[in-house]
Amino acid sequence: MIRLLLKMIQFGRKLNGTMDPSPLASPLQAELSPKLGHNLERLKQVLGPSNDIVLREFSFGQGGKLQGAILYVEGLTNKFLINESLVKPLMYGSRMFESKLETATLEAVKSGMISLGSVEEATTLESVVDACLSGDTVLMIQGFREALVLNTKGWEERGVEEPKTESVVRGPREGFTETLRINTSLLRRKIKNPTLTLEPLKIGRKTKSDVCLVYLKGVVNPRLVEEIRRRLNRIDTDAIMESGYIEQLIEDAPHSIFSTVANSEKPDVVSAKILEGRAAILVDGTPFVLTVPMLFIESFQSAEDYYSRPYFASMIRMLRFGCYGISILAPATYVALTTFHQELIPTPLLFTLASSREGVPFPAVLEALVMLVAFEILREAGIRLPRPVGSAISIVGALIIGESAVAAGLIGAPMVIVVALTAVSSFVVPAQTDSVSILRYFFLFLAGVMGGFGVAVGMLGLFIHLSGLRSFGTPYLSPVAPLSIHDQKDVLVRAPLWAMLTRPRTIGWRDPERQQFRLEPAPPTNEREGPT
């Protein structure tokens, strides 16, 4: 009986593919052999008959006594570098090399005949394959157990452009690209400090995506870095195709509609957050960079707020808060007032609303639901279609549907105005688009069932939920809950830059002082201090 159970378990493991092969049975775990032909045969077995993988054998040295081979992927490498800095010096320059190459060491080959900046050594078949598939060129020589990994990356890439998701009137117009090294260089340009640390990682069993953890030593909390490193190392999945994969695998509240990991396409935004004590996570293949911890207030802050004068920036920020409230509460408030609390509406306005709704066959809650669903359909169509067609569909579709529905008596004109105001307001805070779309229906349902009391209960539940959220140990509603008086200078209003002396206390760990005291500009106190 026991033997039968063991056979069934073994058969189930085979079906599920959970039987891990022995490390000795895996050809990738093997060490490189000093026999070049043996290494090439094993590489051909592992890489298969792929036509983009180039494997070239050649001889070099005096009399062509040394045998070598290079391995690279066509399309991921710079052929000019390979030919001019690797193949040409080995095949032609080495023939005039005075010493006997057959007795030379690998270090002599690396330092005397290869004119490339980055040269590393690899000792296993797995490291050779990983380097080749990452865009490097691998040089193997007969008689050596080590291979040389040469940095010859040179694939097609998109240039630095203005990000379309974070447009500004004043400020830098450059944005991140899909190439990791370009993104790290953009951060280096912003923060020219030796304490800016970039930790490389590889995540994904199949894709082996390059990930980079960026932080500023002495400013970031070491516990935050350790926690991020722990969460990244515990990711065990086949593929990481975009930073959104990592966001969903490291966030604190996976069942919440609010994201606890921020993202941005602008180097100046990410650099400013790093200087405040946050850490950034860059993923190769996407221009969206993650930053943690995230605060709810970040959704209402814009990079342009700090490039403009504080009074206008404060007014715009308060406008964003108001638009956020309108986008989630406007339809629910209209339904609650017209259905349950008509006595709160002024009499002339009540008569106007009643006359406009005369003949409408649906209740207000169903009327709002239909219009909101129509708006979501138009918005999604405008995003997915090509840009020239999508904008036309959004504008024309909204006008035609709204006007036709009112003319047919299916929807009241006030409801069209409320939904249009809700739609426009939701675009003011793009970072909270996901949560706004869900909260809008949530409050609409409560208003249709319980009126204003339902909306109040929903707001109370929303505040309780937000107060309980954390982002890598930092309260999500900080610095409002818990209250931090010193950090109120950048919440509802944006204080002048000369008054923002310290970093956020809930994020910064060491070196809280951001600038010196008494930086407030002032006119000269006497004539001698004035211009000559």
Protein backbone atom coordinates (compact mmCIF):
# COMPACT_ATOMS: atom_id res chain seq x y z
CA MET A 1 0.00 0.00 0.00
CA ILE A 2 2.79 2.39 0.93
CA ARG A 3 4.67 1.49 -2.24
CA LEU A 4 1.56 2.27 -4.28
CA LEU A 5 1.17 5.66 -2.59
CA LEU A 6 4.82 6.49 -3.29
CA LYS A 7 4.35 5.62 -6.96
CA MET A 8 1.25 7.84 -7.17
CA ILE A 9 3.10 10.77 -5.55
CA GLN A 10 6.04 10.27 -7.89
CA PHE A 11 3.72 10.17 -10.91
CA GLY A 12 1.97 13.35 -9.76
CA ARG A 13 5.28 15.15 -9.43
CA LYS A 14 6.18 14.16 -12.97
CA LEU A 15 2.89 15.55 -14.26
CA ASN A 16 3.30 18.83 -12.41
CA GLY A 17 6.94 19.17 -13.39
CA THR A 18 8.02 19.55 -9.79
CA MET A 19 10.77 16.97 -9.86
CA ASP A 20 13.89 19.09 -9.90
CA PRO A 21 16.77 17.59 -11.83
CA SER A 22 19.95 16.81 -10.02
CA PRO A 23 22.49 19.64 -10.07
CA LEU A 24 24.94 17.24 -11.67
CA ALA A 25 22.45 16.50 -14.46
CA SER A 26 22.11 20.17 -15.42
CA PRO A 27 24.69 21.10 -18.08
CA LEU A 28 24.59 24.76 -17.06
CA GLN A 29 26.04 24.03 -13.63
CA ALA A 30 29.20 22.47 -15.08
CA GLU A 31 32.58 24.17 -14.95
CA LEU A 32 34.30 25.18 -18.16
CA SER A 33 36.79 22.70 -19.57
CA PRO A 34 40.29 23.58 -20.81
CA LYS A 35 39.32 21.82 -24.06
CA LEU A 36 37.75 24.40 -26.35
CA GLY A 37 35.95 21.84 -28.51
CA HIS A 38 34.25 20.29 -25.50
CA ASN A 39 32.99 23.70 -24.34
CA LEU A 40 31.65 24.54 -27.79
CA GLU A 41 29.77 21.24 -28.04
CA ARG A 42 28.06 21.84 -24.70
CA LEU A 43 27.17 25.40 -25.69
CA LYS A 44 25.59 24.18 -28.92
CA GLN A 45 23.49 21.71 -26.95
CA VAL A 46 22.29 24.39 -24.53
CA LEU A 47 21.66 27.21 -27.03
CA GLY A 48 20.20 25.04 -29.77
CA PRO A 49 19.96 25.88 -33.48
CA SER A 50 19.12 29.58 -33.01
CA ASN A 51 20.16 31.58 -36.07
CA ASP A 52 20.82 34.81 -34.13
CA ILE A 53 23.59 33.26 -32.01
CA VAL A 54 26.99 33.65 -33.62
CA LEU A 55 29.78 31.22 -32.71
CA ARG A 56 33.04 31.86 -34.54
CA GLU A 57 36.27 29.90 -34.17
CA PHE A 58 39.65 31.34 -35.18
CA SER A 59 43.37 31.01 -34.57
CA PHE A 60 45.76 33.70 -33.37
CA GLY A 61 49.24 34.22 -32.09
CA GLN A 62 52.55 33.60 -33.84
CA GLY A 63 51.94 30.95 -36.43
CA GLY A 64 48.31 30.64 -35.39
CA LYS A 65 49.19 28.24 -32.59
CA LEU A 66 46.37 29.33 -30.27
CA GLN A 67 42.75 28.40 -30.93
CA GLY A 68 39.92 30.63 -29.77
CA ALA A 69 36.20 31.25 -30.25
CA ILE A 70 33.82 34.13 -29.66
CA LEU A 71 30.14 33.81 -28.83
CA TYR A 72 27.56 36.60 -29.08
CA VAL A 73 23.94 37.29 -30.05
CA GLU A 74 23.44 39.24 -33.25
CA GLY A 75 21.25 42.26 -32.63
CA LEU A 76 22.26 42.66 -28.99
CA THR A 77 25.91 43.51 -29.64
CA ASN A 78 27.92 46.20 -31.38
CA LYS A 79 29.62 44.49 -34.33
CA PHE A 80 32.03 47.36 -34.83
CA LEU A 81 33.38 46.92 -31.29
CA ILE A 82 33.71 43.18 -31.77
CA ASN A 83 35.60 43.49 -35.04
CA GLU A 84 37.83 46.44 -34.18
CA SER A 85 38.49 45.90 -30.47
CA LEU A 86 38.47 42.11 -30.22
CA VAL A 87 38.84 40.11 -33.44
CA LYS A 88 41.29 42.42 -35.22
CA PRO A 89 43.75 42.78 -32.27
CA LEU A 90 43.70 39.03 -31.66
CA MET A 91 44.06 37.83 -35.23
CA TYR A 92 46.49 40.47 -36.53
CA GLY A 93 48.03 42.28 -33.58
CA SER A 94 48.84 39.09 -31.68
CA ARG A 95 51.02 37.77 -34.54
CA MET A 96 53.48 40.56 -33.79
CA PHE A 97 53.36 39.92 -30.05
CA GLU A 98 56.92 39.31 -28.88
CA SER A 99 56.26 36.84 -26.05
CA LYS A 100 55.28 33.26 -26.61
CA LEU A 101 51.52 33.26 -26.45
CA GLU A 102 51.29 29.53 -26.06
CA THR A 103 52.79 29.94 -22.58
CA ALA A 104 51.06 33.24 -21.75
CA THR A 105 48.40 33.55 -19.08
CA LEU A 106 44.84 34.66 -19.54
CA GLU A 107 45.71 37.90 -17.77
CA ALA A 108 48.28 38.67 -20.49
CA VAL A 109 45.67 38.17 -23.19
CA LYS A 110 43.19 40.32 -21.31
CA SER A 111 45.57 43.19 -20.62
CA GLY A 112 47.71 43.11 -23.74
CA MET A 113 45.50 42.26 -26.70
CA ILE A 114 41.93 43.34 -25.95
CA SER A 115 41.07 47.03 -26.24
CA LEU A 116 37.70 47.06 -24.48
CA GLY A 117 36.80 48.90 -21.30
CA SER A 118 34.98 46.18 -19.34
CA VAL A 119 36.46 42.66 -19.27
CA GLU A 120 35.43 40.03 -16.70
CA GLU A 121 36.07 36.33 -16.22
CA ALA A 122 33.53 33.49 -16.23
CA THR A 123 34.16 29.96 -14.99
CA THR A 124 30.82 28.16 -15.47
CA LEU A 125 28.71 27.39 -18.49
CA GLU A 126 25.75 29.18 -16.90
CA SER A 127 27.66 32.46 -16.51
CA VAL A 128 28.80 32.22 -20.15
CA VAL A 129 25.24 31.71 -21.41
CA ASP A 130 23.83 34.49 -19.20
CA ALA A 131 26.48 36.94 -20.41
CA CYS A 132 25.88 36.05 -24.04
CA LEU A 133 22.09 36.45 -23.77
CA SER A 134 22.57 39.80 -21.98
CA GLY A 135 24.41 41.30 -24.96
CA ASP A 136 28.03 40.60 -24.00
CA THR A 137 30.60 38.78 -26.10
CA VAL A 138 32.34 35.72 -24.65
CA LEU A 139 35.91 34.80 -25.63
CA MET A 140 37.09 31.23 -24.98
CA ILE A 141 40.67 30.07 -25.58
CA GLN A 142 42.06 26.57 -25.85
CA GLY A 143 43.85 25.52 -22.67
CA PHE A 144 42.08 27.88 -20.27
CA ARG A 145 39.31 26.98 -17.82
CA GLU A 146 38.13 30.59 -17.75
CA ALA A 147 36.33 32.59 -20.42
CA LEU A 148 36.46 36.35 -20.89
CA VAL A 149 33.17 38.30 -20.85
CA LEU A 150 33.49 41.49 -22.89
CA ASN A 151 31.02 44.35 -22.68
CA THR A 152 29.92 44.90 -26.29
CA LYS A 153 26.23 45.71 -25.76
CA GLY A 154 24.78 47.68 -28.65
CA TRP A 155 21.09 47.06 -29.38
CA GLU A 156 18.58 49.51 -30.82
CA GLU A 157 17.13 51.79 -28.17
CA ARG A 158 14.74 54.69 -27.82
CA GLY A 159 16.23 58.08 -27.15
CA VAL A 160 15.53 60.30 -24.17
CA GLU A 161 12.17 61.99 -24.81
CA GLU A 162 9.58 63.93 -22.88
CA PRO A 163 7.27 61.54 -21.00
CA LYS A 164 3.69 61.73 -22.18
CA THR A 165 2.21 60.79 -18.80
CA GLU A 166 3.84 63.62 -16.79
CA SER A 167 3.78 66.75 -18.90
CA VAL A 168 4.94 70.02 -17.37
CA VAL A 169 4.94 73.65 -18.42
CA ARG A 170 8.17 74.45 -16.58
CA GLY A 171 10.91 71.99 -15.73
CA PRO A 172 13.05 69.27 -17.33
CA ARG A 173 11.53 67.55 -20.36
CA GLU A 174 13.67 64.41 -20.28
CA GLY A 175 12.21 61.05 -19.31
CA PHE A 176 13.39 57.54 -18.62
CA THR A 177 13.73 55.01 -21.44
CA GLU A 178 13.56 51.23 -21.71
CA THR A 179 17.33 50.84 -21.28
CA LEU A 180 18.51 50.40 -17.70
CA ARG A 181 21.96 51.92 -18.16
CA ILE A 182 20.55 55.10 -19.70
CA ASN A 183 18.16 55.45 -16.75
CA THR A 184 20.94 55.09 -14.19
CA SER A 185 23.00 57.69 -16.05
CA LEU A 186 20.09 60.13 -15.89
CA LEU A 187 20.01 59.72 -12.12
CA ARG A 188 23.78 60.16 -11.91
CA ARG A 189 23.48 63.43 -13.79
CA LYS A 190 20.99 64.69 -11.21
CA ILE A 191 22.82 63.44 -8.09
CA LYS A 192 26.58 63.78 -8.51
CA ASN A 193 27.39 62.23 -5.14
CA PRO A 194 29.58 59.20 -4.43
CA THR A 195 27.10 57.96 -1.82
CA LEU A 196 24.49 57.32 -4.54
CA THR A 197 24.46 53.52 -4.54
CA LEU A 198 23.23 51.26 -7.34
CA GLU A 199 22.74 47.61 -6.39
CA PRO A 200 22.24 45.22 -9.35
CA LEU A 201 19.91 42.22 -9.12
CA LYS A 202 18.53 39.61 -11.51
CA ILE A 203 14.93 38.49 -11.06
CA GLY A 204 12.99 35.92 -13.05
CA ARG A 205 13.93 32.30 -13.63
CA LYS A 206 13.32 32.50 -17.38
CA THR A 207 13.74 36.19 -18.26
CA LYS A 208 16.52 36.97 -15.72
CA SER A 209 15.55 40.64 -15.89
CA ASP A 210 18.07 43.22 -14.73
CA VAL A 211 16.83 45.17 -11.71
CA CYS A 212 18.65 47.99 -9.94
CA LEU A 213 18.04 49.26 -6.39
CA VAL A 214 19.09 52.91 -6.03
CA TYR A 215 19.43 54.85 -2.77
CA LEU A 216 21.54 57.54 -1.11
CA LYS A 217 23.71 56.28 1.74
CA GLY A 218 23.55 58.39 4.87
CA VAL A 219 20.08 59.69 3.97
CA VAL A 220 18.04 56.52 3.47
CA ASN A 221 17.11 54.35 6.43
CA PRO A 222 19.23 51.14 6.32
CA ARG A 223 16.23 49.16 7.54
CA LEU A 224 14.27 50.34 4.51
CA VAL A 225 17.02 49.17 2.16
CA GLU A 226 17.23 45.82 3.92
CA GLU A 227 13.45 45.34 3.71
CA ILE A 228 13.39 46.19 -0.01
CA ARG A 229 16.29 43.82 -0.63
CA ARG A 230 14.49 41.05 1.27
CA ARG A 231 11.24 41.49 -0.68
CA LEU A 232 13.06 41.53 -4.00
CA ASN A 233 15.09 38.43 -3.18
CA ARG A 234 11.99 36.45 -2.21
CA ILE A 235 10.44 36.93 -5.67
CA ASP A 236 10.47 33.53 -7.35
CA THR A 237 8.71 33.73 -10.69
CA ASP A 238 9.40 32.93 -14.32
CA ALA A 239 9.26 36.42 -15.76
CA ILE A 240 9.50 40.10 -14.89
CA MET A 241 8.29 41.96 -17.97
CA GLU A 242 7.64 45.38 -16.44
CA SER A 243 8.04 47.20 -13.14
CA GLY A 244 4.35 46.58 -12.48
CA TYR A 245 5.21 42.91 -11.86
CA ILE A 246 7.57 43.89 -9.05
CA GLU A 247 5.11 46.47 -7.68
CA GLN A 248 2.46 43.80 -7.19
CA LEU A 249 4.94 41.39 -5.60
CA ILE A 250 6.43 43.74 -2.99
CA GLU A 251 3.54 46.04 -1.99
CA ASP A 252 2.22 46.10 1.58
CA ALA A 253 -1.50 45.94 0.84
CA PRO A 254 -2.14 43.68 -2.17
CA HIS A 255 -5.91 43.66 -1.53
CA SER A 256 -6.28 47.43 -1.32
CA ILE A 257 -7.40 49.62 -4.21
CA PHE A 258 -4.67 52.12 -3.27
CA SER A 259 -1.16 51.57 -4.51
CA THR A 260 1.55 51.70 -1.83
CA VAL A 261 4.38 51.85 -4.40
CA ALA A 262 4.82 55.03 -6.45
CA ASN A 263 6.10 55.22 -10.02
CA SER A 264 7.40 57.96 -12.28
CA GLU A 265 8.94 58.49 -15.72
CA LYS A 266 10.83 61.67 -14.79
CA PRO A 267 14.43 61.59 -13.52
CA ASP A 268 13.98 64.85 -11.58
CA VAL A 269 11.01 63.41 -9.67
CA VAL A 270 12.82 60.19 -8.78
CA SER A 271 15.98 62.11 -7.82
CA ALA A 272 14.00 64.41 -5.52
CA LYS A 273 12.44 61.41 -3.78
CA ILE A 274 15.83 59.73 -3.36
CA LEU A 275 17.17 62.94 -1.79
CA GLU A 276 14.27 62.84 0.69
CA GLY A 277 15.27 59.37 1.88
CA ARG A 278 13.34 57.08 -0.42
CA ALA A 279 14.72 54.25 -2.55
CA ALA A 280 14.12 53.65 -6.25
CA ILE A 281 13.75 50.37 -8.15
CA LEU A 282 14.69 50.39 -11.84
CA VAL A 283 13.77 47.54 -14.17
CA ASP A 284 15.34 46.98 -17.57
CA GLY A 285 12.78 47.23 -20.36
CA THR A 286 10.45 49.86 -18.90
CA PRO A 287 10.62 53.64 -18.40
CA PHE A 288 8.56 53.50 -15.19
CA VAL A 289 10.71 53.64 -12.06
CA LEU A 290 9.30 52.56 -8.69
CA THR A 291 9.90 54.56 -5.50
CA VAL A 292 9.19 53.52 -1.92
CA PRO A 293 7.85 54.31 0.57
CA MET A 294 4.84 56.04 -0.96
CA LEU A 295 2.58 58.54 0.81
CA PHE A 296 -0.98 59.38 -0.17
CA ILE A 297 -0.02 63.06 -0.42
CA GLU A 298 2.39 62.25 -3.29
CA SER A 299 -0.56 61.80 -5.63
CA PHE A 300 -1.37 65.50 -5.30
CA GLN A 301 2.18 66.76 -5.71
CA SER A 302 3.70 67.63 -9.05
CA ALA A 303 7.30 68.34 -10.01
CA GLU A 304 6.18 71.69 -11.34
CA ASP A 305 5.02 72.73 -7.86
CA TYR A 306 8.64 73.18 -6.82
CA TYR A 307 9.69 75.07 -9.96
CA SER A 308 6.91 77.69 -9.68
CA ARG A 309 6.23 80.31 -7.04
CA PRO A 310 4.73 78.89 -3.84
CA TYR A 311 1.47 80.84 -3.90
CA PHE A 312 0.33 79.62 -7.30
CA ALA A 313 1.60 76.11 -6.54
CA SER A 314 -0.39 76.06 -3.29
CA MET A 315 -3.55 77.18 -5.05
CA ILE A 316 -3.18 74.47 -7.71
CA ARG A 317 -2.55 71.84 -5.04
CA MET A 318 -5.74 72.78 -3.18
CA LEU A 319 -7.53 72.60 -6.53
CA ARG A 320 -6.27 69.02 -6.94
CA PHE A 321 -7.68 68.06 -3.55
CA GLY A 322 -11.02 69.57 -4.53
CA CYS A 323 -11.05 67.78 -7.88
CA TYR A 324 -10.31 64.48 -6.18
CA GLY A 325 -13.33 64.95 -3.91
CA ILE A 326 -15.51 65.89 -6.89
CA SER A 327 -14.39 62.89 -8.91
CA ILE A 328 -15.42 60.37 -6.24
CA LEU A 329 -18.40 62.14 -4.63
CA ALA A 330 -20.15 64.22 -7.29
CA PRO A 331 -22.45 61.49 -8.75
CA ALA A 332 -23.17 60.10 -5.27
CA THR A 333 -23.98 63.55 -3.90
CA TYR A 334 -26.33 64.30 -6.81
CA VAL A 335 -28.17 60.99 -6.35
CA ALA A 336 -28.45 61.47 -2.56
CA LEU A 337 -29.81 65.00 -2.88
CA THR A 338 -32.32 64.33 -5.65
CA THR A 339 -33.55 61.04 -4.18
CA PHE A 340 -33.39 61.34 -0.38
CA HIS A 341 -32.68 64.95 0.63
CA GLN A 342 -34.66 67.24 -1.65
CA GLU A 343 -35.20 69.62 1.27
CA LEU A 344 -31.50 70.54 1.19
CA ILE A 345 -31.77 71.85 -2.40
CA PRO A 346 -32.78 75.51 -2.85
CA THR A 347 -36.34 75.79 -4.16
CA PRO A 348 -35.54 77.45 -7.54
CA LEU A 349 -32.81 74.87 -8.22
CA LEU A 350 -35.15 72.07 -7.14
CA PHE A 351 -37.79 73.19 -9.64
CA THR A 352 -35.14 73.31 -12.39
CA LEU A 353 -33.93 69.81 -11.59
CA ALA A 354 -37.47 68.47 -11.42
CA SER A 355 -38.40 69.94 -14.80
CA SER A 356 -35.23 68.56 -16.42
CA ARG A 357 -35.92 65.09 -15.03
CA GLU A 358 -39.54 65.11 -16.16
CA GLY A 359 -40.12 62.16 -18.43
CA VAL A 360 -36.89 60.33 -17.51
CA PRO A 361 -37.93 56.68 -16.97
CA PHE A 362 -34.99 55.64 -14.77
CA PRO A 363 -34.18 56.43 -11.15
CA ALA A 364 -31.28 58.78 -10.54
CA VAL A 365 -28.90 56.04 -9.37
CA LEU A 366 -29.43 53.96 -12.53
CA GLU A 367 -29.17 57.09 -14.63
CA ALA A 368 -25.78 57.92 -13.09
CA LEU A 369 -24.60 54.33 -13.42
CA VAL A 370 -25.36 54.23 -17.15
CA MET A 371 -23.57 57.51 -17.79
CA LEU A 372 -20.50 56.49 -15.78
CA VAL A 373 -20.24 53.17 -17.63
CA ALA A 374 -20.55 55.02 -20.95
CA PHE A 375 -17.77 57.36 -19.87
CA GLU A 376 -15.48 54.44 -18.95
CA ILE A 377 -16.13 52.83 -22.33
CA LEU A 378 -15.25 56.02 -24.18
CA ARG A 379 -12.14 56.56 -22.07
CA GLU A 380 -10.89 53.03 -22.66
CA ALA A 381 -11.58 53.31 -26.39
CA GLY A 382 -9.69 56.58 -26.57
CA ILE A 383 -6.66 55.01 -24.84
CA ARG A 384 -6.49 51.79 -26.88
CA LEU A 385 -7.10 53.26 -30.32
CA PRO A 386 -4.34 55.11 -32.23
CA ARG A 387 -3.89 58.62 -30.88
CA PRO A 388 -5.49 60.61 -33.77
CA VAL A 389 -8.49 58.26 -33.90
CA GLY A 390 -8.75 57.84 -30.13
CA SER A 391 -9.08 61.56 -29.36
CA ALA A 392 -11.73 61.94 -32.06
CA ILE A 393 -13.69 58.98 -30.74
CA SER A 394 -13.60 60.34 -27.18
CA ILE A 395 -14.77 63.84 -28.09
CA VAL A 396 -17.32 62.99 -30.76
CA GLY A 397 -18.62 59.95 -28.88
CA ALA A 398 -19.20 61.94 -25.69
CA LEU A 399 -21.00 64.74 -27.52
CA ILE A 400 -23.19 62.45 -29.58
CA ILE A 401 -24.10 60.08 -26.75
CA GLY A 402 -24.80 62.87 -24.27
CA GLU A 403 -26.89 64.98 -26.65
CA SER A 404 -28.80 61.99 -28.03
CA ALA A 405 -29.58 60.62 -24.56
CA VAL A 406 -30.94 63.98 -23.38
CA ALA A 407 -32.93 64.51 -26.58
CA ALA A 408 -34.46 61.04 -26.27
CA GLY A 409 -35.48 61.68 -22.67
CA LEU A 410 -33.42 58.80 -21.30
CA ILE A 411 -31.01 60.96 -19.30
CA GLY A 412 -31.53 64.33 -17.65
CA ALA A 413 -29.32 67.26 -18.63
CA PRO A 414 -28.09 67.84 -15.03
CA MET A 415 -26.80 64.28 -14.90
CA VAL A 416 -24.77 64.84 -18.06
CA ILE A 417 -23.21 67.92 -16.46
CA VAL A 418 -22.40 66.05 -13.23
CA VAL A 419 -20.80 63.12 -15.06
CA ALA A 420 -18.83 65.45 -17.34
CA LEU A 421 -17.53 67.41 -14.33
CA THR A 422 -16.65 64.11 -12.63
CA ALA A 423 -14.76 62.88 -15.69
CA VAL A 424 -12.74 66.07 -16.10
CA SER A 425 -11.90 66.21 -12.38
CA SER A 426 -10.60 62.64 -12.39
CA PHE A 427 -7.91 63.61 -14.92
CA VAL A 428 -6.47 66.23 -12.54
CA VAL A 429 -5.05 63.53 -10.23
CA PRO A 430 -3.80 60.84 -12.65
CA ALA A 431 -1.89 58.95 -9.93
CA GLN A 432 -5.21 57.96 -8.30
CA THR A 433 -7.13 57.09 -11.46
CA ASP A 434 -7.52 53.42 -10.48
CA SER A 435 -8.86 54.10 -7.00
CA VAL A 436 -11.10 56.95 -8.18
CA SER A 437 -12.85 54.73 -10.74
CA ILE A 438 -13.71 52.15 -8.07
CA LEU A 439 -14.61 54.59 -5.29
CA ARG A 440 -16.98 56.41 -7.64
CA TYR A 441 -19.19 53.31 -8.01
CA PHE A 442 -18.81 52.46 -4.32
CA PHE A 443 -20.17 55.81 -3.14
CA LEU A 444 -22.83 55.80 -5.86
CA PHE A 445 -24.15 52.49 -4.56
CA LEU A 446 -24.21 53.73 -0.95
CA ALA A 447 -25.97 56.95 -1.99
CA GLY A 448 -28.60 55.03 -3.95
CA VAL A 449 -29.33 52.76 -0.98
CA MET A 450 -28.95 55.03 2.08
CA GLY A 451 -28.59 58.54 0.74
CA GLY A 452 -26.35 60.99 2.57
CA PHE A 453 -26.01 58.63 5.53
CA GLY A 454 -24.51 55.99 3.23
CA VAL A 455 -22.03 58.51 1.82
CA ALA A 456 -20.98 59.48 5.35
CA VAL A 457 -20.52 55.83 6.33
CA GLY A 458 -18.47 55.24 3.18
CA MET A 459 -16.23 58.24 3.90
CA LEU A 460 -15.66 57.01 7.46
CA GLY A 461 -14.72 53.55 6.19
CA LEU A 462 -12.40 55.11 3.59
CA PHE A 463 -10.56 57.16 6.21
CA ILE A 464 -10.22 54.11 8.48
CA HIS A 465 -8.81 52.07 5.61
CA LEU A 466 -6.32 54.77 4.59
CA SER A 467 -5.21 55.23 8.19
CA GLY A 468 -4.40 51.54 8.45
CA LEU A 469 -2.27 51.35 5.32
CA ARG A 470 1.52 51.23 5.47
CA SER A 471 4.17 51.55 2.79
CA PHE A 472 7.32 49.73 3.91
CA GLY A 473 6.54 50.64 7.49
CA THR A 474 5.62 54.29 6.83
CA PRO A 475 2.01 55.38 7.56
CA TYR A 476 0.22 55.99 4.25
CA LEU A 477 -1.51 59.19 5.46
CA SER A 478 1.65 60.66 6.95
CA PRO A 479 2.21 63.48 7.86
CA VAL A 480 -1.54 63.97 8.49
CA ALA A 481 -2.13 60.75 10.41
CA PRO A 482 -0.03 60.55 12.51
CA LEU A 483 0.22 64.31 12.62
CA SER A 484 3.63 65.87 12.08
CA ILE A 485 3.57 69.64 12.44
CA HIS A 486 7.02 70.10 10.90
CA ASP A 487 6.00 68.32 7.69
CA GLN A 488 2.81 70.33 7.07
CA LYS A 489 4.85 72.73 4.95
CA ASP A 490 4.38 70.46 1.92
CA VAL A 491 0.88 69.01 2.30
CA LEU A 492 -2.09 71.26 1.60
CA VAL A 493 0.16 74.18 0.68
CA ARG A 494 3.70 74.32 -0.62
CA ALA A 495 5.89 76.50 1.56
CA PRO A 496 8.68 78.57 -0.03
CA LEU A 497 11.84 76.60 -0.73
CA TRP A 498 13.85 78.68 1.74
CA ALA A 499 11.42 77.61 4.50
CA MET A 500 11.65 73.85 3.76
CA LEU A 501 14.66 73.26 5.99
CA THR A 502 14.29 69.55 6.77
CA ARG A 503 13.40 66.34 4.98
CA PRO A 504 10.13 64.53 5.83
CA ARG A 505 10.57 63.15 9.33
CA THR A 506 8.60 59.98 8.62
CA ILE A 507 10.92 59.08 5.72
CA GLY A 508 14.31 60.62 6.43
CA TRP A 509 16.57 58.78 8.83
CA ARG A 510 19.87 60.59 9.11
CA ASP A 511 20.92 64.07 8.09
CA PRO A 512 17.40 65.57 8.36
CA GLU A 513 18.69 69.06 7.57
CA ARG A 514 18.21 69.82 3.89
CA GLN A 515 19.56 73.35 3.78
CA GLN A 516 20.90 76.07 6.00
CA PHE A 517 18.74 78.40 8.03
CA ARG A 518 18.19 82.00 6.99
CA LEU A 519 18.14 81.45 3.23
CA GLU A 520 15.19 83.79 2.83
CA PRO A 521 16.15 86.35 0.17
CA ALA A 522 15.97 90.01 1.18
CA PRO A 523 16.89 93.37 -0.34
CA PRO A 524 20.15 95.01 0.73
CA THR A 525 20.00 96.68 4.15
CA ASN A 526 22.02 99.74 3.10
CA GLU A 527 23.29 101.41 -0.01
CA ARG A 528 26.76 99.84 0.22
CA GLU A 529 25.30 96.33 -0.22
CA GLY A 530 23.44 97.33 -3.37
CA PRO A 531 24.70 97.02 -6.93
CA THR A 532 27.41 99.43 -7.95
